[in-house]
C-alpha atoms as a PDB file:
ATOM      1  CA  UNK A   1      10.178  34.392  16.511  1.00  0.00           C
ATOM      2  CA  UNK A   2      10.306  30.664  17.995  1.00  0.00           C
ATOM      3  CA  UNK A   3       7.273  28.612  17.839  1.00  0.00           C
ATOM      4  CA  UNK A   4       6.244  25.285  19.468  1.00  0.00           C
ATOM      5  CA  UNK A   5       3.350  23.713  17.915  1.00  0.00           C
ATOM      6  CA  UNK A   6       1.312  20.510  18.048  1.00  0.00           C
ATOM      7  CA  UNK A   7      -0.986  18.808  15.617  1.00  0.00           C
ATOM      8  CA  UNK A   8      -4.698  18.556  16.309  1.00  0.00           C
ATOM      9  CA  UNK A   9      -6.117  16.606  13.206  1.00  0.00           C
ATOM     10  CA  UNK A  10      -5.645  18.685  10.159  1.00  0.00           C
ATOM     11  CA  UNK A  11      -4.442  21.727  11.847  1.00  0.00           C
ATOM     12  CA  UNK A  12      -1.492  22.681  13.560  1.00  0.00           C
ATOM     13  CA  UNK A  13      -1.972  24.950  17.130  1.00  0.00           C
ATOM     14  CA  UNK A  14       0.712  27.345  18.232  1.00  0.00           C
ATOM     15  CA  UNK A  15       1.272  26.446  22.056  1.00  0.00           C
ATOM     16  CA  UNK A  16       4.335  28.490  22.726  1.00  0.00           C
ATOM     17  CA  UNK A  17       6.157  31.411  21.203  1.00  0.00           C
ATOM     18  CA  UNK A  18       9.000  33.584  21.895  1.00  0.00           C
ATOM     19  CA  UNK A  19       9.771  36.866  19.943  1.00  0.00           C
ATOM     20  CA  UNK A  20      13.007  38.593  21.082  1.00  0.00           C
ATOM     21  CA  UNK A  21      12.697  42.414  21.352  1.00  0.00           C
ATOM     22  CA  UNK A  22      15.573  42.881  18.831  1.00  0.00           C
ATOM     23  CA  UNK A  23      13.816  40.786  16.075  1.00  0.00           C
ATOM     24  CA  UNK A  24      12.798  43.237  13.249  1.00  0.00           C
ATOM     25  CA  UNK A  25      10.285  40.724  12.090  1.00  0.00           C
ATOM     26  CA  UNK A  26       6.690  40.511  13.866  1.00  0.00           C
ATOM     27  CA  UNK A  27       4.612  37.506  13.047  1.00  0.00           C
ATOM     28  CA  UNK A  28       0.810  37.762  13.548  1.00  0.00           C
ATOM     29  CA  UNK A  29       0.670  34.290  15.114  1.00  0.00           C
ATOM     30  CA  UNK A  30      -0.143  33.986  18.689  1.00  0.00           C
ATOM     31  CA  UNK A  31      -0.433  31.162  21.091  1.00  0.00           C
ATOM     32  CA  UNK A  32      -3.635  29.289  20.142  1.00  0.00           C
ATOM     33  CA  UNK A  33      -3.500  30.318  16.302  1.00  0.00           C
ATOM     34  CA  UNK A  34      -4.575  27.363  14.306  1.00  0.00           C
ATOM     35  CA  UNK A  35      -3.507  26.912  10.841  1.00  0.00           C
ATOM     36  CA  UNK A  36      -3.779  24.062   8.156  1.00  0.00           C
ATOM     37  CA  UNK A  37      -1.067  21.419   8.673  1.00  0.00           C
ATOM     38  CA  UNK A  38      -0.762  20.348   5.066  1.00  0.00           C
ATOM     39  CA  UNK A  39      -0.033  24.001   4.019  1.00  0.00           C
ATOM     40  CA  UNK A  40       2.531  24.784   6.592  1.00  0.00           C
ATOM     41  CA  UNK A  41       6.180  23.917   7.272  1.00  0.00           C
ATOM     42  CA  UNK A  42       5.699  23.089  10.873  1.00  0.00           C
ATOM     43  CA  UNK A  43       2.667  21.041   9.736  1.00  0.00           C
ATOM     44  CA  UNK A  44       4.899  18.966   7.333  1.00  0.00           C
ATOM     45  CA  UNK A  45       7.172  18.246  10.295  1.00  0.00           C
ATOM     46  CA  UNK A  46       4.029  17.023  12.265  1.00  0.00           C
ATOM     47  CA  UNK A  47       2.748  14.763   9.628  1.00  0.00           C
ATOM     48  CA  UNK A  48       6.200  12.881   9.314  1.00  0.00           C
ATOM     49  CA  UNK A  49       4.967   9.740  10.983  1.00  0.00           C
ATOM     50  CA  UNK A  50       1.870   9.134   9.100  1.00  0.00           C
ATOM     51  CA  UNK A  51       2.014   6.378   6.489  1.00  0.00           C
ATOM     52  CA  UNK A  52       0.402   7.238   3.036  1.00  0.00           C
ATOM     53  CA  UNK A  53      -2.998   5.418   3.738  1.00  0.00           C
ATOM     54  CA  UNK A  54      -3.139   7.261   7.236  1.00  0.00           C
ATOM     55  CA  UNK A  55      -2.492  10.496   5.402  1.00  0.00           C
ATOM     56  CA  UNK A  56      -5.252   9.706   2.856  1.00  0.00           C
ATOM     57  CA  UNK A  57      -7.788   9.078   5.617  1.00  0.00           C
ATOM     58  CA  UNK A  58      -6.842  12.349   7.000  1.00  0.00           C
ATOM     59  CA  UNK A  59      -7.044  13.843   3.566  1.00  0.00           C
ATOM     60  CA  UNK A  60      -9.683  11.982   1.648  1.00  0.00           C
ATOM     61  CA  UNK A  61     -10.255  14.813  -1.081  1.00  0.00           C
ATOM     62  CA  UNK A  62      -8.546  14.424  -4.373  1.00  0.00           C
ATOM     63  CA  UNK A  63      -7.164  18.155  -4.398  1.00  0.00           C
ATOM     64  CA  UNK A  64      -6.064  19.915  -1.235  1.00  0.00           C
ATOM     65  CA  UNK A  65      -6.561  23.449  -0.400  1.00  0.00           C
ATOM     66  CA  UNK A  66      -3.758  25.495  -1.696  1.00  0.00           C
ATOM     67  CA  UNK A  67      -2.531  28.886   0.122  1.00  0.00           C
ATOM     68  CA  UNK A  68       0.675  29.492  -2.242  1.00  0.00           C
ATOM     69  CA  UNK A  69       2.143  27.947  -5.314  1.00  0.00           C
ATOM     70  CA  UNK A  70       4.319  25.830  -2.890  1.00  0.00           C
ATOM     71  CA  UNK A  71       1.318  24.250  -1.211  1.00  0.00           C
ATOM     72  CA  UNK A  72       0.948  20.628  -2.370  1.00  0.00           C
ATOM     73  CA  UNK A  73      -1.848  19.896  -4.434  1.00  0.00           C
ATOM     74  CA  UNK A  74      -2.641  16.156  -3.694  1.00  0.00           C
ATOM     75  CA  UNK A  75      -2.130  13.729  -0.873  1.00  0.00           C
ATOM     76  CA  UNK A  76       0.513  11.906  -2.740  1.00  0.00           C
ATOM     77  CA  UNK A  77       2.540  15.215  -3.422  1.00  0.00           C
ATOM     78  CA  UNK A  78       2.169  15.881   0.477  1.00  0.00           C
ATOM     79  CA  UNK A  79       3.377  12.293   1.465  1.00  0.00           C
ATOM     80  CA  UNK A  80       6.538  12.764  -0.792  1.00  0.00           C
ATOM     81  CA  UNK A  81       7.359  15.891   0.661  1.00  0.00           C
ATOM     82  CA  UNK A  82       6.657  14.813   4.201  1.00  0.00           C
ATOM     83  CA  UNK A  83       8.826  11.765   3.607  1.00  0.00           C
ATOM     84  CA  UNK A  84      11.834  13.804   2.123  1.00  0.00           C
ATOM     85  CA  UNK A  85      11.601  16.305   5.248  1.00  0.00           C
ATOM     86  CA  UNK A  86      11.792  13.202   7.734  1.00  0.00           C
ATOM     87  CA  UNK A  87      14.868  11.762   5.740  1.00  0.00           C
ATOM     88  CA  UNK A  88      16.400  15.240   6.115  1.00  0.00           C
ATOM     89  CA  UNK A  89      15.466  15.733   9.790  1.00  0.00           C
ATOM     90  CA  UNK A  90      14.116  19.226   9.474  1.00  0.00           C
ATOM     91  CA  UNK A  91      12.139  21.404   6.985  1.00  0.00           C
ATOM     92  CA  UNK A  92      13.203  24.851   5.524  1.00  0.00           C
ATOM     93  CA  UNK A  93      10.387  26.487   3.810  1.00  0.00           C
ATOM     94  CA  UNK A  94      10.359  29.928   1.939  1.00  0.00           C
ATOM     95  CA  UNK A  95       7.025  31.156   1.042  1.00  0.00           C
ATOM     96  CA  UNK A  96       5.227  27.866   1.748  1.00  0.00           C
ATOM     97  CA  UNK A  97       2.271  29.230   3.530  1.00  0.00           C
ATOM     98  CA  UNK A  98       2.511  33.021   3.071  1.00  0.00           C
ATOM     99  CA  UNK A  99       4.773  34.240   0.354  1.00  0.00           C
ATOM    100  CA  UNK A 100       6.787  36.686   2.654  1.00  0.00           C
ATOM    101  CA  UNK A 101       7.567  34.301   5.289  1.00  0.00           C
ATOM    102  CA  UNK A 102      10.292  31.673   5.781  1.00  0.00           C
ATOM    103  CA  UNK A 103      10.555  28.983   8.381  1.00  0.00           C
ATOM    104  CA  UNK A 104      13.004  26.333   9.773  1.00  0.00           C
ATOM    105  CA  UNK A 105      11.250  23.547  11.539  1.00  0.00           C
ATOM    106  CA  UNK A 106      12.392  20.353  13.339  1.00  0.00           C
ATOM    107  CA  UNK A 107      10.592  17.337  15.049  1.00  0.00           C
ATOM    108  CA  UNK A 108      10.270  16.842  18.816  1.00  0.00           C
ATOM    109  CA  UNK A 109       9.580  13.265  19.977  1.00  0.00           C
ATOM    110  CA  UNK A 110       8.600  11.575  23.251  1.00  0.00           C
ATOM    111  CA  UNK A 111      10.284   8.736  25.067  1.00  0.00           C
ATOM    112  CA  UNK A 112       8.526   6.258  22.882  1.00  0.00           C
ATOM    113  CA  UNK A 113       9.623   7.794  19.828  1.00  0.00           C
ATOM    114  CA  UNK A 114       6.287   9.430  18.725  1.00  0.00           C
ATOM    115  CA  UNK A 115       6.218  12.985  17.107  1.00  0.00           C
ATOM    116  CA  UNK A 116       4.635  15.188  19.832  1.00  0.00           C
ATOM    117  CA  UNK A 117       5.275  18.649  18.506  1.00  0.00           C
ATOM    118  CA  UNK A 118       7.176  20.802  16.162  1.00  0.00           C
ATOM    119  CA  UNK A 119       9.788  23.477  16.978  1.00  0.00           C
ATOM    120  CA  UNK A 120      10.484  26.237  14.379  1.00  0.00           C
ATOM    121  CA  UNK A 121      11.874  29.655  13.754  1.00  0.00           C
ATOM    122  CA  UNK A 122       9.975  32.139  11.290  1.00  0.00           C
ATOM    123  CA  UNK A 123      11.763  35.004   9.770  1.00  0.00           C
ATOM    124  CA  UNK A 124      10.672  37.554   6.893  1.00  0.00           C
ATOM    125  CA  UNK A 125      11.556  36.178   3.626  1.00  0.00           C
ATOM    126  CA  UNK A 126      14.595  37.441   1.723  1.00  0.00           C
ATOM    127  CA  UNK A 127      17.881  35.794   0.592  1.00  0.00           C
ATOM    128  CA  UNK A 128      19.641  34.754   3.796  1.00  0.00           C
ATOM    129  CA  UNK A 129      23.478  34.272   3.635  1.00  0.00           C
ATOM    130  CA  UNK A 130      24.163  30.602   3.474  1.00  0.00           C
ATOM    131  CA  UNK A 131      26.200  30.452   6.779  1.00  0.00           C
ATOM    132  CA  UNK A 132      23.373  32.310   8.804  1.00  0.00           C
ATOM    133  CA  UNK A 133      20.846  29.890   7.232  1.00  0.00           C
ATOM    134  CA  UNK A 134      22.900  26.964   8.156  1.00  0.00           C
ATOM    135  CA  UNK A 135      23.186  28.410  11.693  1.00  0.00           C
ATOM    136  CA  UNK A 136      19.365  28.734  11.997  1.00  0.00           C
ATOM    137  CA  UNK A 137      19.009  25.113  10.869  1.00  0.00           C
ATOM    138  CA  UNK A 138      21.439  23.923  13.263  1.00  0.00           C
ATOM    139  CA  UNK A 139      20.010  25.710  16.253  1.00  0.00           C
ATOM    140  CA  UNK A 140      16.488  24.732  15.584  1.00  0.00           C
ATOM    141  CA  UNK A 141      17.662  20.979  15.057  1.00  0.00           C
ATOM    142  CA  UNK A 142      19.654  21.104  18.323  1.00  0.00           C
ATOM    143  CA  UNK A 143      16.945  22.644  20.482  1.00  0.00           C
ATOM    144  CA  UNK A 144      14.540  20.197  19.342  1.00  0.00           C
ATOM    145  CA  UNK A 145      16.845  17.247  19.812  1.00  0.00           C
ATOM    146  CA  UNK A 146      17.313  18.961  23.309  1.00  0.00           C
ATOM    147  CA  UNK A 147      13.644  19.066  24.235  1.00  0.00           C
ATOM    148  CA  UNK A 148      13.171  15.380  22.877  1.00  0.00           C
ATOM    149  CA  UNK A 149      15.997  14.293  25.126  1.00  0.00           C
ATOM    150  CA  UNK A 150      14.426  16.069  28.031  1.00  0.00           C
ATOM    151  CA  UNK A 151      11.141  14.044  27.114  1.00  0.00           C
ATOM    152  CA  UNK A 152      13.282  10.878  27.205  1.00  0.00           C
ATOM    153  CA  UNK A 153      13.630  10.176  23.467  1.00  0.00           C
ATOM    154  CA  UNK A 154      16.684   8.401  22.524  1.00  0.00           C
ATOM    155  CA  UNK A 155      17.384   8.285  18.610  1.00  0.00           C
ATOM    156  CA  UNK A 156      17.505   4.903  16.968  1.00  0.00           C
ATOM    157  CA  UNK A 157      21.184   3.870  16.880  1.00  0.00           C
ATOM    158  CA  UNK A 158      22.304   5.720  19.866  1.00  0.00           C
ATOM    159  CA  UNK A 159      23.840   3.506  22.618  1.00  0.00           C
ATOM    160  CA  UNK A 160      21.712   3.430  26.022  1.00  0.00           C
ATOM    161  CA  UNK A 161      23.073   4.328  29.135  1.00  0.00           C
ATOM    162  CA  UNK A 162      25.335   1.533  30.177  1.00  0.00           C
ATOM    163  CA  UNK A 163      25.129   0.600  33.972  1.00  0.00           C
ATOM    164  CA  UNK A 164      28.571  -0.845  35.062  1.00  0.00           C
ATOM    165  CA  UNK A 165      28.371  -4.225  36.813  1.00  0.00           C
ATOM    166  CA  UNK A 166      29.511  -4.165  40.437  1.00  0.00           C
ATOM    167  CA  UNK A 167      32.452  -6.491  41.042  1.00  0.00           C
ATOM    168  CA  UNK A 168      31.515  -9.352  43.098  1.00  0.00           C
ATOM    169  CA  UNK A 169      33.707 -10.462  45.829  1.00  0.00           C
ATOM    170  CA  UNK A 170      35.398 -13.835  45.240  1.00  0.00           C
ATOM    171  CA  UNK A 171      35.411 -15.134  48.733  1.00  0.00           C
END
């Protein structure tokens, strides 16, 4: 299933979900479901713009609640994960929140470059063939970039639209 989520404080909130009829995996998540941001792949994407001080303000406790052996235990560990995810441009997590679920997620940004949502695809865990996994990552990133573009986002280093100057008469 494909999911669109936003962050509300320390939680992610599912705002849209698409489940193809041919998909053998069925997720229990529905629109409106809230999950802990620090313990989910989609949440890691949505924490991507926070600095370490901002993350510590959001998570002041010394030990974070864990849901699997892959959940970060400290804010510093979470920050390191989130920074690596941001540099990569996507997150692929197997068994991050629930041991039987894998998720690929990518950020969606608005015109000002702010992170406003995350797009993800969730599948049942299992060993995917490398080419299938790569195609999933490519599609999620492409779709997230397309949505960002529709929101007016232009990635840094991308040339802006150039409007040619009109030639003036030399009379």
